[in-house]
C-alpha atoms as a PDB file:
ATOM      1  CA  MET A   1      23.081  -8.230  37.159  1.00  0.00           C
ATOM      2  CA  GLU A   2      25.891  -8.179  34.622  1.00  0.00           C
ATOM      3  CA  ARG A   3      28.080  -5.105  34.607  1.00  0.00           C
ATOM      4  CA  LEU A   4      28.904  -3.475  31.293  1.00  0.00           C
ATOM      5  CA  VAL A   5      32.641  -3.096  30.788  1.00  0.00           C
ATOM      6  CA  GLU A   6      33.882   0.034  29.067  1.00  0.00           C
ATOM      7  CA  ASN A   7      34.372  -0.517  25.313  1.00  0.00           C
ATOM      8  CA  GLN A   8      32.355  -3.748  25.432  1.00  0.00           C
ATOM      9  CA  LEU A   9      30.097  -4.218  22.435  1.00  0.00           C
ATOM     10  CA  LEU A  10      26.401  -4.854  22.997  1.00  0.00           C
ATOM     11  CA  LEU A  11      25.947  -6.812  19.755  1.00  0.00           C
ATOM     12  CA  TYR A  12      28.420  -9.057  17.933  1.00  0.00           C
ATOM     13  CA  GLY A  13      28.531 -10.270  14.349  1.00  0.00           C
ATOM     14  CA  ARG A  14      28.729 -13.995  13.599  1.00  0.00           C
ATOM     15  CA  LYS A  15      32.500 -14.091  13.207  1.00  0.00           C
ATOM     16  CA  SER A  16      33.171 -12.234  16.466  1.00  0.00           C
ATOM     17  CA  ALA A  17      30.572 -14.259  18.367  1.00  0.00           C
ATOM     18  CA  ALA A  18      32.027 -17.557  17.142  1.00  0.00           C
ATOM     19  CA  CYS A  19      35.491 -16.410  18.166  1.00  0.00           C
ATOM     20  CA  MET A  20      34.262 -15.441  21.645  1.00  0.00           C
ATOM     21  CA  LEU A  21      32.715 -18.902  22.106  1.00  0.00           C
ATOM     22  CA  SER A  22      35.762 -20.656  20.585  1.00  0.00           C
ATOM     23  CA  ILE A  23      33.628 -22.422  17.984  1.00  0.00           C
ATOM     24  CA  SER A  24      33.481 -22.314  14.199  1.00  0.00           C
ATOM     25  CA  ILE A  25      31.174 -19.961  12.337  1.00  0.00           C
ATOM     26  CA  ARG A  26      29.352 -23.044  10.997  1.00  0.00           C
ATOM     27  CA  SER A  27      28.777 -24.343  14.540  1.00  0.00           C
ATOM     28  CA  LEU A  28      27.433 -20.938  15.536  1.00  0.00           C
ATOM     29  CA  ALA A  29      25.087 -20.938  12.522  1.00  0.00           C
ATOM     30  CA  TYR A  30      23.793 -24.349  13.613  1.00  0.00           C
ATOM     31  CA  LEU A  31      23.149 -23.098  17.168  1.00  0.00           C
ATOM     32  CA  LEU A  32      21.378 -20.010  15.835  1.00  0.00           C
ATOM     33  CA  SER A  33      19.164 -22.085  13.523  1.00  0.00           C
ATOM     34  CA  ARG A  34      18.197 -24.405  16.408  1.00  0.00           C
ATOM     35  CA  GLY A  35      17.305 -21.412  18.589  1.00  0.00           C
ATOM     36  CA  GLU A  36      19.927 -22.271  21.206  1.00  0.00           C
ATOM     37  CA  ILE A  37      21.402 -18.795  20.864  1.00  0.00           C
ATOM     38  CA  HIS A  38      19.019 -15.898  20.301  1.00  0.00           C
ATOM     39  CA  PHE A  39      19.940 -13.221  17.780  1.00  0.00           C
ATOM     40  CA  ARG A  40      18.656 -10.110  16.062  1.00  0.00           C
ATOM     41  CA  ARG A  41      18.610  -9.200  12.408  1.00  0.00           C
ATOM     42  CA  ILE A  42      19.273  -5.627  11.442  1.00  0.00           C
ATOM     43  CA  GLY A  43      19.010  -5.374   7.696  1.00  0.00           C
ATOM     44  CA  THR A  44      21.053  -8.270   6.370  1.00  0.00           C
ATOM     45  CA  LYS A  45      23.272  -8.508   9.455  1.00  0.00           C
ATOM     46  CA  THR A  46      22.864 -11.200  12.076  1.00  0.00           C
ATOM     47  CA  LEU A  47      23.795  -9.782  15.475  1.00  0.00           C
ATOM     48  CA  ILE A  48      24.077 -11.656  18.764  1.00  0.00           C
ATOM     49  CA  PRO A  49      23.703  -9.773  22.076  1.00  0.00           C
ATOM     50  CA  HIS A  50      26.639  -9.969  24.497  1.00  0.00           C
ATOM     51  CA  ALA A  51      24.358 -11.190  27.287  1.00  0.00           C
ATOM     52  CA  GLU A  52      23.221 -14.078  25.071  1.00  0.00           C
ATOM     53  CA  LEU A  53      26.827 -15.168  24.475  1.00  0.00           C
ATOM     54  CA  VAL A  54      27.502 -15.082  28.221  1.00  0.00           C
ATOM     55  CA  ARG A  55      24.297 -17.043  28.922  1.00  0.00           C
ATOM     56  CA  PHE A  56      25.222 -19.730  26.417  1.00  0.00           C
ATOM     57  CA  ALA A  57      28.847 -19.939  27.573  1.00  0.00           C
ATOM     58  CA  ARG A  58      27.773 -20.432  31.195  1.00  0.00           C
ATOM     59  CA  GLY A  59      25.171 -23.059  30.330  1.00  0.00           C
ATOM     60  CA  HIS A  60      25.477 -26.809  30.422  1.00  0.00           C
ATOM     61  CA  HIS A  61      25.733 -28.384  26.966  1.00  0.00           C
ATOM     62  CA  PRO A  62      25.506 -32.179  27.155  1.00  0.00           C
ATOM     63  CA  GLU A  63      25.010 -32.664  23.399  1.00  0.00           C
ATOM     64  CA  PRO A  64      27.638 -31.975  20.731  1.00  0.00           C
ATOM     65  CA  VAL A  65      27.040 -28.984  18.473  1.00  0.00           C
ATOM     66  CA  SER A  66      27.162 -31.098  15.296  1.00  0.00           C
ATOM     67  CA  SER A  67      23.943 -32.519  13.928  1.00  0.00           C
ATOM     68  CA  LYS A  68      25.801 -35.661  12.885  1.00  0.00           C
ATOM     69  CA  PRO A  69      25.683 -38.554  15.339  1.00  0.00           C
ATOM     70  CA  VAL A  70      28.980 -39.238  17.034  1.00  0.00           C
ATOM     71  CA  SER A  71      30.202 -42.722  16.152  1.00  0.00           C
ATOM     72  CA  GLN A  72      31.260 -44.774  19.122  1.00  0.00           C
ATOM     73  CA  GLU A  73      33.940 -47.346  18.534  1.00  0.00           C
ATOM     74  CA  GLN A  74      33.592 -50.543  20.505  1.00  0.00           C
END
């Protein structure tokens, strides 16, 4: 079970979550829209639980985040 560190937030906004994952806000939005990272809406805010960020960061991600196909030069 994950231990809660003092002063650790339970929910992060999009900008903070993207920073924690070292990805762009646009990449995070793409992951949220695909359901790869679960989130909550409170009013107009999109909030991502800390545990969800940890789960995603520890996971295996064989595909690139971008929806565009990666061109392979031969």
